[in-house]
């Protein structure tokens, strides 16, 4: 690895039905389209909707040795159970984006955080935009803004490649949600 090497390990986690796998896939696709090396590894419980779901995404300027993420640089957490499971693994000084619609600030006091923390009311913002199912895109938009990796427009441009064609009608809503999350992160 070179001195000025870019390397970011991310875990996106929540429960089935929150679009966790799609969120990770979108991060990976956006990074790939930007010419970065990428690995993407989804994981979800047998229960699917309502069960646990997470994915590991690694973005780098150089080839990546392993898709496994043990100490993530960033966490995007969409529910309390995922916070409890993954927050202890966050690297010192790492970034935590969490869905404050489902995770209360008091939940953080149970576990030490030693990095940047951004509480995003992802569900509420998504409802304001038209559909709670866009909460995952709100969180991704906030993450992209905080990290400065890619803009929400770059992620929106990747949506047609990660969404099944029958869901292409959701692209305008998802684009607004990405932008809304980025705007929220700018202001907070």
N, C-alpha and C. Protein backbone atom coordinates (compact mmCIF):
# COMPACT_ATOMS: atom_id res chain seq x y z
N UNK A 1 0.83 -1.19 0.00
CA UNK A 1 0.00 0.00 0.00
C UNK A 1 0.87 1.24 0.00
N UNK A 2 0.50 2.21 -0.80
CA UNK A 2 1.25 3.46 -0.87
C UNK A 2 0.86 4.38 0.29
N UNK A 3 1.66 5.42 0.50
CA UNK A 3 1.44 6.36 1.60
C UNK A 3 0.09 7.06 1.53
N UNK A 4 -0.27 7.60 0.38
CA UNK A 4 -1.52 8.37 0.23
C UNK A 4 -2.65 7.51 -0.33
N UNK A 5 -2.69 6.31 0.09
CA UNK A 5 -3.65 5.33 -0.39
C UNK A 5 -5.02 5.58 0.25
N UNK A 6 -6.07 5.56 -0.57
CA UNK A 6 -7.43 5.69 -0.06
C UNK A 6 -7.98 4.30 0.21
N UNK A 7 -8.49 4.09 1.42
CA UNK A 7 -9.04 2.79 1.79
C UNK A 7 -10.13 3.03 2.82
N UNK A 8 -11.37 2.63 2.53
CA UNK A 8 -12.51 2.86 3.42
C UNK A 8 -13.30 1.57 3.57
N UNK A 9 -13.47 1.14 4.81
CA UNK A 9 -14.29 -0.03 5.12
C UNK A 9 -15.59 0.46 5.75
N UNK A 10 -16.72 -0.02 5.22
CA UNK A 10 -18.04 0.45 5.64
C UNK A 10 -18.92 -0.75 5.96
N UNK A 11 -19.69 -0.64 7.03
CA UNK A 11 -20.75 -1.62 7.30
C UNK A 11 -22.07 -0.86 7.32
N UNK A 12 -23.03 -1.35 6.56
CA UNK A 12 -24.40 -0.84 6.56
C UNK A 12 -25.23 -1.93 7.21
N UNK A 13 -26.02 -1.57 8.25
CA UNK A 13 -26.75 -2.61 8.97
C UNK A 13 -28.12 -2.13 9.44
N UNK A 14 -29.07 -3.07 9.47
CA UNK A 14 -30.42 -2.80 9.93
C UNK A 14 -31.20 -4.10 9.91
N UNK A 15 -32.51 -3.98 9.69
CA UNK A 15 -33.30 -5.21 9.59
C UNK A 15 -33.82 -5.37 8.18
N UNK A 16 -34.19 -6.61 7.83
CA UNK A 16 -34.70 -6.91 6.50
C UNK A 16 -35.90 -6.05 6.18
N UNK A 17 -35.95 -5.54 4.97
CA UNK A 17 -37.04 -4.66 4.55
C UNK A 17 -36.66 -3.20 4.59
N UNK A 18 -35.48 -2.87 5.18
CA UNK A 18 -35.03 -1.48 5.23
C UNK A 18 -34.17 -1.09 4.03
N UNK A 19 -33.93 -2.01 3.12
CA UNK A 19 -33.12 -1.69 1.95
C UNK A 19 -31.63 -1.64 2.25
N UNK A 20 -31.19 -2.41 3.23
CA UNK A 20 -29.78 -2.43 3.63
C UNK A 20 -28.90 -2.96 2.50
N UNK A 21 -29.31 -4.06 1.92
CA UNK A 21 -28.52 -4.69 0.85
C UNK A 21 -28.45 -3.75 -0.36
N UNK A 22 -29.56 -3.11 -0.69
CA UNK A 22 -29.57 -2.14 -1.79
C UNK A 22 -28.65 -0.96 -1.49
N UNK A 23 -28.65 -0.48 -0.25
CA UNK A 23 -27.80 0.65 0.12
C UNK A 23 -26.32 0.31 -0.09
N UNK A 24 -25.92 -0.88 0.36
CA UNK A 24 -24.53 -1.30 0.17
C UNK A 24 -24.17 -1.48 -1.29
N UNK A 25 -25.10 -2.06 -2.02
CA UNK A 25 -24.90 -2.27 -3.46
C UNK A 25 -24.73 -0.92 -4.17
N UNK A 26 -25.53 0.06 -3.75
CA UNK A 26 -25.43 1.40 -4.36
C UNK A 26 -24.08 2.04 -4.06
N UNK A 27 -23.61 1.91 -2.82
CA UNK A 27 -22.28 2.44 -2.49
C UNK A 27 -21.21 1.79 -3.36
N UNK A 28 -21.28 0.48 -3.47
CA UNK A 28 -20.29 -0.25 -4.27
C UNK A 28 -20.34 0.15 -5.74
N UNK A 29 -21.54 0.22 -6.31
CA UNK A 29 -21.69 0.58 -7.72
C UNK A 29 -21.19 2.00 -7.99
N UNK A 30 -21.52 2.92 -7.10
CA UNK A 30 -21.11 4.31 -7.25
C UNK A 30 -19.58 4.42 -7.21
N UNK A 31 -18.97 3.71 -6.29
CA UNK A 31 -17.50 3.72 -6.19
C UNK A 31 -16.87 3.11 -7.43
N UNK A 32 -17.46 2.02 -7.90
CA UNK A 32 -16.93 1.36 -9.10
C UNK A 32 -17.02 2.29 -10.31
N UNK A 33 -18.14 2.99 -10.43
CA UNK A 33 -18.31 3.91 -11.55
C UNK A 33 -17.33 5.07 -11.47
N UNK A 34 -16.86 5.38 -10.25
CA UNK A 34 -15.88 6.45 -10.06
C UNK A 34 -14.46 5.94 -10.26
N UNK A 35 -14.33 4.67 -10.64
CA UNK A 35 -13.01 4.12 -10.94
C UNK A 35 -12.27 3.54 -9.75
N UNK A 36 -12.97 3.35 -8.65
CA UNK A 36 -12.33 2.78 -7.45
C UNK A 36 -12.42 1.26 -7.47
N UNK A 37 -11.55 0.63 -6.71
CA UNK A 37 -11.63 -0.81 -6.46
C UNK A 37 -12.70 -1.00 -5.39
N UNK A 38 -13.48 -2.07 -5.49
CA UNK A 38 -14.60 -2.27 -4.57
C UNK A 38 -14.80 -3.75 -4.25
N UNK A 39 -15.18 -4.02 -3.00
CA UNK A 39 -15.74 -5.32 -2.67
C UNK A 39 -17.06 -5.05 -1.96
N UNK A 40 -17.98 -5.99 -2.11
CA UNK A 40 -19.32 -5.86 -1.52
C UNK A 40 -19.73 -7.24 -1.05
N UNK A 41 -20.09 -7.34 0.23
CA UNK A 41 -20.48 -8.64 0.76
C UNK A 41 -21.75 -8.49 1.61
N UNK A 42 -22.90 -8.92 1.05
CA UNK A 42 -24.16 -8.84 1.81
C UNK A 42 -24.32 -10.03 2.75
N UNK A 43 -25.13 -9.81 3.80
CA UNK A 43 -25.45 -10.88 4.73
C UNK A 43 -26.83 -10.60 5.30
N UNK A 44 -27.69 -11.58 5.26
CA UNK A 44 -29.01 -11.40 5.84
C UNK A 44 -29.49 -12.70 6.44
N UNK A 45 -30.29 -12.53 7.52
CA UNK A 45 -30.81 -13.70 8.23
C UNK A 45 -31.86 -14.43 7.42
N UNK A 46 -32.13 -15.65 7.82
CA UNK A 46 -33.10 -16.48 7.11
C UNK A 46 -34.50 -15.89 7.15
N UNK A 47 -34.77 -15.06 8.15
CA UNK A 47 -36.11 -14.50 8.30
C UNK A 47 -36.43 -13.46 7.22
N UNK A 48 -35.40 -12.89 6.60
CA UNK A 48 -35.49 -11.83 5.59
C UNK A 48 -36.23 -10.62 6.16
N UNK A 49 -37.46 -10.31 5.73
CA UNK A 49 -38.12 -9.09 6.22
C UNK A 49 -38.29 -9.17 7.73
N UNK A 50 -37.68 -8.22 8.41
CA UNK A 50 -37.73 -8.20 9.86
C UNK A 50 -36.51 -8.85 10.51
N UNK A 51 -35.81 -9.70 9.78
CA UNK A 51 -34.59 -10.32 10.30
C UNK A 51 -33.43 -9.34 10.17
N UNK A 52 -32.25 -9.77 10.52
CA UNK A 52 -31.10 -8.89 10.43
C UNK A 52 -30.57 -8.85 9.00
N UNK A 53 -30.00 -7.72 8.66
CA UNK A 53 -29.37 -7.56 7.34
C UNK A 53 -28.19 -6.62 7.51
N UNK A 54 -27.09 -6.94 6.86
CA UNK A 54 -25.96 -6.03 6.84
C UNK A 54 -25.13 -6.31 5.61
N UNK A 55 -24.32 -5.37 5.26
CA UNK A 55 -23.38 -5.62 4.18
C UNK A 55 -22.10 -4.87 4.46
N UNK A 56 -21.04 -5.45 3.95
CA UNK A 56 -19.71 -4.88 4.10
C UNK A 56 -19.28 -4.38 2.73
N UNK A 57 -18.81 -3.13 2.70
CA UNK A 57 -18.33 -2.53 1.46
C UNK A 57 -16.93 -2.01 1.73
N UNK A 58 -16.00 -2.33 0.86
CA UNK A 58 -14.64 -1.79 0.95
C UNK A 58 -14.39 -1.04 -0.35
N UNK A 59 -13.91 0.20 -0.20
CA UNK A 59 -13.61 1.05 -1.35
C UNK A 59 -12.14 1.45 -1.24
N UNK A 60 -11.42 1.32 -2.33
CA UNK A 60 -9.98 1.58 -2.29
C UNK A 60 -9.48 2.09 -3.63
N UNK A 61 -8.29 2.66 -3.61
CA UNK A 61 -7.60 3.07 -4.84
C UNK A 61 -6.77 1.93 -5.41
N UNK A 62 -6.52 0.93 -4.59
CA UNK A 62 -5.67 -0.19 -4.97
C UNK A 62 -6.43 -1.50 -4.78
N UNK A 63 -5.93 -2.60 -5.32
CA UNK A 63 -6.62 -3.88 -5.13
C UNK A 63 -6.87 -4.17 -3.65
N UNK A 64 -7.99 -4.83 -3.38
CA UNK A 64 -8.44 -5.10 -2.01
C UNK A 64 -8.17 -6.57 -1.70
N UNK A 65 -7.55 -6.82 -0.56
CA UNK A 65 -7.17 -8.17 -0.19
C UNK A 65 -8.31 -9.04 0.29
N UNK A 66 -9.28 -8.44 0.97
CA UNK A 66 -10.37 -9.24 1.54
C UNK A 66 -11.65 -8.41 1.62
N UNK A 67 -12.80 -9.04 1.37
CA UNK A 67 -14.07 -8.31 1.48
C UNK A 67 -14.56 -8.21 2.92
N UNK A 68 -13.93 -8.92 3.85
CA UNK A 68 -14.36 -8.91 5.24
C UNK A 68 -13.97 -7.61 5.93
N UNK A 69 -14.89 -7.09 6.71
CA UNK A 69 -14.65 -5.85 7.45
C UNK A 69 -14.77 -6.19 8.93
N UNK A 70 -13.65 -6.11 9.64
CA UNK A 70 -13.71 -6.39 11.07
C UNK A 70 -13.74 -5.10 11.89
N UNK A 71 -13.00 -4.08 11.47
CA UNK A 71 -12.97 -2.78 12.16
C UNK A 71 -13.32 -1.69 11.14
N UNK A 72 -14.61 -1.43 10.94
CA UNK A 72 -15.00 -0.47 9.90
C UNK A 72 -14.56 0.97 10.21
N UNK A 73 -14.28 1.70 9.14
CA UNK A 73 -14.01 3.14 9.24
C UNK A 73 -15.32 3.88 9.44
N UNK A 74 -16.39 3.33 8.88
CA UNK A 74 -17.71 3.96 8.94
C UNK A 74 -18.80 2.93 9.16
N UNK A 75 -19.82 3.35 9.91
CA UNK A 75 -21.01 2.54 10.13
C UNK A 75 -22.23 3.35 9.72
N UNK A 76 -23.14 2.71 9.01
CA UNK A 76 -24.44 3.29 8.71
C UNK A 76 -25.44 2.34 9.36
N UNK A 77 -26.03 2.80 10.45
CA UNK A 77 -26.86 1.93 11.30
C UNK A 77 -28.31 2.37 11.25
N UNK A 78 -29.19 1.44 10.93
CA UNK A 78 -30.60 1.78 10.74
C UNK A 78 -31.52 1.32 11.88
N UNK A 79 -31.00 0.53 12.86
CA UNK A 79 -31.85 0.13 13.99
C UNK A 79 -30.99 -0.15 15.22
N UNK A 80 -31.64 -0.26 16.38
CA UNK A 80 -30.94 -0.41 17.66
C UNK A 80 -30.13 -1.71 17.74
N UNK A 81 -30.71 -2.82 17.30
CA UNK A 81 -30.00 -4.11 17.38
C UNK A 81 -28.68 -4.05 16.60
N UNK A 82 -28.69 -3.38 15.46
CA UNK A 82 -27.47 -3.26 14.65
C UNK A 82 -26.46 -2.35 15.33
N UNK A 83 -26.94 -1.32 16.00
CA UNK A 83 -26.04 -0.43 16.75
C UNK A 83 -25.30 -1.24 17.81
N UNK A 84 -26.04 -2.02 18.57
CA UNK A 84 -25.43 -2.80 19.65
C UNK A 84 -24.44 -3.83 19.10
N UNK A 85 -24.74 -4.38 17.96
CA UNK A 85 -23.87 -5.41 17.38
C UNK A 85 -22.60 -4.82 16.77
N UNK A 86 -22.73 -3.71 16.02
CA UNK A 86 -21.59 -3.23 15.24
C UNK A 86 -20.81 -2.06 15.82
N UNK A 87 -21.42 -1.25 16.68
CA UNK A 87 -20.70 -0.08 17.18
C UNK A 87 -19.40 -0.42 17.90
N UNK A 88 -19.35 -1.50 18.69
CA UNK A 88 -18.09 -1.82 19.34
C UNK A 88 -16.94 -2.10 18.36
N UNK A 89 -17.27 -2.38 17.11
CA UNK A 89 -16.25 -2.69 16.11
C UNK A 89 -15.72 -1.45 15.39
N UNK A 90 -16.40 -0.30 15.53
CA UNK A 90 -16.01 0.91 14.81
C UNK A 90 -14.59 1.34 15.19
N UNK A 91 -13.78 1.65 14.18
CA UNK A 91 -12.42 2.12 14.42
C UNK A 91 -12.43 3.40 15.24
N UNK A 92 -11.42 3.59 16.04
CA UNK A 92 -11.27 4.82 16.81
C UNK A 92 -11.24 5.99 15.84
N UNK A 93 -12.08 6.99 16.09
CA UNK A 93 -12.15 8.14 15.21
C UNK A 93 -13.03 7.93 14.00
N UNK A 94 -13.71 6.77 13.92
CA UNK A 94 -14.55 6.46 12.76
C UNK A 94 -15.83 7.26 12.74
N UNK A 95 -16.59 7.08 11.68
CA UNK A 95 -17.85 7.81 11.47
C UNK A 95 -19.04 6.88 11.72
N UNK A 96 -19.97 7.35 12.56
CA UNK A 96 -21.22 6.64 12.80
C UNK A 96 -22.36 7.50 12.31
N UNK A 97 -23.10 6.98 11.32
CA UNK A 97 -24.35 7.60 10.88
C UNK A 97 -25.44 6.66 11.41
N UNK A 98 -26.37 7.19 12.21
CA UNK A 98 -27.42 6.31 12.69
C UNK A 98 -28.80 6.92 12.50
N UNK A 99 -29.76 6.04 12.31
CA UNK A 99 -31.15 6.42 12.07
C UNK A 99 -31.79 6.76 13.42
N UNK A 100 -31.88 8.05 13.72
CA UNK A 100 -32.42 8.47 15.02
C UNK A 100 -33.93 8.28 15.10
N UNK A 101 -34.55 7.85 14.01
CA UNK A 101 -35.97 7.50 14.05
C UNK A 101 -36.17 6.20 14.84
N UNK A 102 -35.18 5.32 14.81
CA UNK A 102 -35.30 4.02 15.46
C UNK A 102 -34.23 3.77 16.53
N UNK A 103 -33.25 4.64 16.61
CA UNK A 103 -32.20 4.52 17.61
C UNK A 103 -32.20 5.82 18.42
N UNK A 104 -32.33 5.69 19.73
CA UNK A 104 -32.35 6.88 20.58
C UNK A 104 -30.94 7.21 21.04
N UNK A 105 -30.72 8.50 21.30
CA UNK A 105 -29.40 8.95 21.74
C UNK A 105 -28.94 8.18 22.98
N UNK A 106 -29.90 7.84 23.86
CA UNK A 106 -29.57 7.10 25.08
C UNK A 106 -28.97 5.73 24.76
N UNK A 107 -29.34 5.17 23.60
CA UNK A 107 -28.79 3.88 23.20
C UNK A 107 -27.28 3.96 22.99
N UNK A 108 -26.80 5.14 22.62
CA UNK A 108 -25.37 5.33 22.40
C UNK A 108 -24.60 5.36 23.70
N UNK A 109 -25.24 5.81 24.78
CA UNK A 109 -24.53 5.92 26.05
C UNK A 109 -24.14 4.56 26.61
N UNK A 110 -24.83 3.52 26.15
CA UNK A 110 -24.50 2.17 26.60
C UNK A 110 -23.15 1.72 26.04
N UNK A 111 -22.77 2.29 24.91
CA UNK A 111 -21.55 1.88 24.22
C UNK A 111 -20.73 3.14 23.96
N UNK A 112 -19.46 3.09 24.23
CA UNK A 112 -18.60 4.25 24.00
C UNK A 112 -18.44 4.51 22.50
N UNK A 113 -18.58 5.78 22.13
CA UNK A 113 -18.27 6.18 20.76
C UNK A 113 -17.07 7.12 20.84
N UNK A 114 -16.14 6.95 19.95
CA UNK A 114 -14.94 7.78 19.99
C UNK A 114 -14.62 8.35 18.62
N UNK A 115 -15.66 8.68 17.91
CA UNK A 115 -15.46 9.23 16.57
C UNK A 115 -16.54 10.25 16.27
N UNK A 116 -16.78 10.46 15.00
CA UNK A 116 -17.82 11.38 14.55
C UNK A 116 -19.16 10.67 14.59
N UNK A 117 -20.18 11.37 15.07
CA UNK A 117 -21.51 10.77 15.15
C UNK A 117 -22.52 11.73 14.52
N UNK A 118 -23.34 11.22 13.63
CA UNK A 118 -24.41 12.01 13.04
C UNK A 118 -25.72 11.24 13.18
N UNK A 119 -26.64 11.82 13.94
CA UNK A 119 -27.98 11.26 14.09
C UNK A 119 -28.84 11.80 12.95
N UNK A 120 -29.41 10.92 12.16
CA UNK A 120 -30.23 11.32 11.01
C UNK A 120 -31.63 10.74 11.20
N UNK A 121 -32.67 11.59 11.28
CA UNK A 121 -34.03 11.07 11.39
C UNK A 121 -34.49 10.54 10.02
N UNK A 122 -33.87 9.46 9.60
CA UNK A 122 -34.04 8.95 8.23
C UNK A 122 -35.49 8.60 7.91
N UNK A 123 -36.19 7.96 8.84
CA UNK A 123 -37.59 7.60 8.56
C UNK A 123 -38.44 8.85 8.37
N UNK A 124 -38.31 9.82 9.27
CA UNK A 124 -39.11 11.04 9.17
C UNK A 124 -38.82 11.81 7.87
N UNK A 125 -37.54 11.92 7.54
CA UNK A 125 -37.18 12.63 6.30
C UNK A 125 -37.73 11.89 5.09
N UNK A 126 -37.67 10.57 5.10
CA UNK A 126 -38.19 9.79 3.98
C UNK A 126 -39.70 9.96 3.85
N UNK A 127 -40.41 9.97 4.98
CA UNK A 127 -41.87 10.17 4.96
C UNK A 127 -42.19 11.55 4.37
N UNK A 128 -41.43 12.57 4.77
CA UNK A 128 -41.64 13.91 4.22
C UNK A 128 -41.47 13.92 2.70
N UNK A 129 -40.56 13.08 2.21
CA UNK A 129 -40.31 13.00 0.77
C UNK A 129 -41.33 12.14 0.04
N UNK A 130 -42.09 11.34 0.80
CA UNK A 130 -43.14 10.58 0.14
C UNK A 130 -43.23 9.11 0.47
N UNK A 131 -42.16 8.50 1.05
CA UNK A 131 -42.23 7.07 1.33
C UNK A 131 -41.15 6.67 2.34
N UNK A 132 -41.54 6.05 3.43
CA UNK A 132 -40.60 5.64 4.48
C UNK A 132 -39.54 4.68 3.95
N UNK A 133 -39.86 3.98 2.85
CA UNK A 133 -38.90 3.02 2.29
C UNK A 133 -37.65 3.70 1.74
N UNK A 134 -37.66 5.02 1.60
CA UNK A 134 -36.49 5.74 1.12
C UNK A 134 -35.53 6.13 2.24
N UNK A 135 -35.80 5.66 3.47
CA UNK A 135 -34.93 5.99 4.61
C UNK A 135 -33.49 5.53 4.37
N UNK A 136 -33.32 4.39 3.70
CA UNK A 136 -31.97 3.92 3.40
C UNK A 136 -31.22 4.91 2.52
N UNK A 137 -31.90 5.52 1.56
CA UNK A 137 -31.26 6.49 0.67
C UNK A 137 -30.94 7.79 1.41
N UNK A 138 -31.80 8.17 2.35
CA UNK A 138 -31.51 9.35 3.18
C UNK A 138 -30.20 9.11 3.94
N UNK A 139 -30.06 7.94 4.55
CA UNK A 139 -28.85 7.62 5.31
C UNK A 139 -27.62 7.59 4.41
N UNK A 140 -27.75 7.02 3.22
CA UNK A 140 -26.61 6.97 2.28
C UNK A 140 -26.23 8.39 1.84
N UNK A 141 -27.23 9.23 1.56
CA UNK A 141 -26.94 10.62 1.20
C UNK A 141 -26.18 11.35 2.30
N UNK A 142 -26.59 11.14 3.55
CA UNK A 142 -25.91 11.76 4.69
C UNK A 142 -24.47 11.25 4.80
N UNK A 143 -24.30 9.95 4.62
CA UNK A 143 -22.96 9.36 4.67
C UNK A 143 -22.06 9.95 3.60
N UNK A 144 -22.56 9.99 2.37
CA UNK A 144 -21.75 10.51 1.26
C UNK A 144 -21.35 11.96 1.52
N UNK A 145 -22.26 12.75 2.06
CA UNK A 145 -21.96 14.15 2.35
C UNK A 145 -20.88 14.26 3.44
N UNK A 146 -21.04 13.48 4.50
CA UNK A 146 -20.08 13.54 5.62
C UNK A 146 -18.69 13.08 5.19
N UNK A 147 -18.63 12.02 4.40
CA UNK A 147 -17.35 11.46 3.98
C UNK A 147 -16.73 12.22 2.81
N UNK A 148 -17.57 12.85 2.00
CA UNK A 148 -17.04 13.56 0.84
C UNK A 148 -16.49 12.63 -0.23
N UNK A 149 -16.95 11.39 -0.24
CA UNK A 149 -16.45 10.42 -1.23
C UNK A 149 -16.99 10.73 -2.62
N UNK A 150 -18.31 10.81 -2.71
CA UNK A 150 -19.01 11.08 -3.96
C UNK A 150 -20.23 11.89 -3.59
N UNK A 151 -20.75 12.64 -4.51
CA UNK A 151 -21.96 13.40 -4.23
C UNK A 151 -23.20 12.55 -4.40
N UNK A 152 -24.34 13.04 -3.91
CA UNK A 152 -25.58 12.29 -4.06
C UNK A 152 -25.96 12.11 -5.54
N UNK A 153 -25.53 13.03 -6.39
CA UNK A 153 -25.85 12.91 -7.81
C UNK A 153 -25.13 11.71 -8.45
N UNK A 154 -23.90 11.45 -7.99
CA UNK A 154 -23.16 10.29 -8.50
C UNK A 154 -23.88 9.01 -8.08
N UNK A 155 -24.35 8.97 -6.84
CA UNK A 155 -25.09 7.79 -6.37
C UNK A 155 -26.41 7.65 -7.14
N UNK A 156 -27.09 8.77 -7.36
CA UNK A 156 -28.37 8.73 -8.10
C UNK A 156 -28.15 8.20 -9.51
N UNK A 157 -27.02 8.56 -10.12
CA UNK A 157 -26.73 8.08 -11.48
C UNK A 157 -26.51 6.57 -11.51
N UNK A 158 -26.15 5.98 -10.38
CA UNK A 158 -25.94 4.53 -10.30
C UNK A 158 -27.21 3.75 -10.00
N UNK A 159 -28.27 4.44 -9.58
CA UNK A 159 -29.51 3.75 -9.21
C UNK A 159 -30.05 2.82 -10.31
N UNK A 160 -30.08 3.24 -11.59
CA UNK A 160 -30.63 2.33 -12.60
C UNK A 160 -29.87 1.01 -12.70
N UNK A 161 -28.61 1.00 -12.30
CA UNK A 161 -27.82 -0.23 -12.39
C UNK A 161 -28.03 -1.15 -11.20
N UNK A 162 -28.49 -0.62 -10.07
CA UNK A 162 -28.66 -1.47 -8.88
C UNK A 162 -30.11 -1.83 -8.60
N UNK A 163 -31.03 -1.09 -9.19
CA UNK A 163 -32.45 -1.38 -9.01
C UNK A 163 -32.97 -2.26 -10.14
N UNK A 164 -33.76 -3.24 -9.79
CA UNK A 164 -34.43 -4.04 -10.83
C UNK A 164 -35.31 -3.09 -11.64
N UNK A 165 -35.47 -3.39 -12.91
CA UNK A 165 -36.21 -2.49 -13.80
C UNK A 165 -37.61 -2.17 -13.29
N UNK A 166 -38.25 -3.12 -12.63
CA UNK A 166 -39.61 -2.87 -12.13
C UNK A 166 -39.63 -1.79 -11.04
N UNK A 167 -38.47 -1.48 -10.47
CA UNK A 167 -38.38 -0.45 -9.44
C UNK A 167 -37.83 0.88 -9.96
N UNK A 168 -37.61 0.98 -11.25
CA UNK A 168 -37.06 2.22 -11.81
C UNK A 168 -37.99 3.41 -11.57
N UNK A 169 -39.28 3.14 -11.35
CA UNK A 169 -40.22 4.23 -11.07
C UNK A 169 -39.89 4.91 -9.73
N UNK A 170 -39.09 4.25 -8.89
CA UNK A 170 -38.72 4.84 -7.59
C UNK A 170 -37.46 5.71 -7.68
N UNK A 171 -36.84 5.77 -8.83
CA UNK A 171 -35.59 6.53 -8.96
C UNK A 171 -35.77 8.01 -8.59
N UNK A 172 -36.84 8.70 -9.03
CA UNK A 172 -36.99 10.11 -8.61
C UNK A 172 -37.07 10.26 -7.08
N UNK A 173 -37.83 9.41 -6.43
CA UNK A 173 -37.94 9.46 -4.97
C UNK A 173 -36.59 9.16 -4.32
N UNK A 174 -35.91 8.12 -4.78
CA UNK A 174 -34.61 7.76 -4.22
C UNK A 174 -33.59 8.87 -4.44
N UNK A 175 -33.65 9.53 -5.58
CA UNK A 175 -32.74 10.65 -5.86
C UNK A 175 -33.00 11.79 -4.87
N UNK A 176 -34.28 12.11 -4.66
CA UNK A 176 -34.63 13.15 -3.68
C UNK A 176 -34.17 12.77 -2.28
N UNK A 177 -34.28 11.49 -1.94
CA UNK A 177 -33.87 11.02 -0.62
C UNK A 177 -32.35 11.13 -0.44
N UNK A 178 -31.60 10.77 -1.48
CA UNK A 178 -30.13 10.92 -1.42
C UNK A 178 -29.76 12.39 -1.20
N UNK A 179 -30.41 13.28 -1.96
CA UNK A 179 -30.14 14.71 -1.83
C UNK A 179 -30.59 15.24 -0.47
N UNK A 180 -31.75 14.75 0.01
CA UNK A 180 -32.26 15.18 1.31
C UNK A 180 -31.33 14.77 2.44
N UNK A 181 -30.79 13.56 2.37
CA UNK A 181 -29.83 13.11 3.38
C UNK A 181 -28.55 13.93 3.36
N UNK A 182 -28.08 14.25 2.15
CA UNK A 182 -26.87 15.08 2.02
C UNK A 182 -27.12 16.48 2.59
N UNK A 183 -28.28 17.05 2.29
CA UNK A 183 -28.62 18.38 2.82
C UNK A 183 -28.68 18.35 4.34
N UNK A 184 -29.30 17.32 4.90
CA UNK A 184 -29.40 17.20 6.35
C UNK A 184 -27.98 17.15 6.98
N UNK A 185 -27.09 16.37 6.37
CA UNK A 185 -25.73 16.24 6.89
C UNK A 185 -24.97 17.57 6.79
N UNK A 186 -25.21 18.33 5.72
CA UNK A 186 -24.58 19.65 5.57
C UNK A 186 -24.96 20.58 6.70
N UNK A 187 -26.23 20.55 7.07
CA UNK A 187 -26.76 21.46 8.08
C UNK A 187 -26.45 21.02 9.50
N UNK A 188 -26.13 19.75 9.69
CA UNK A 188 -25.92 19.23 11.04
C UNK A 188 -24.50 18.75 11.22
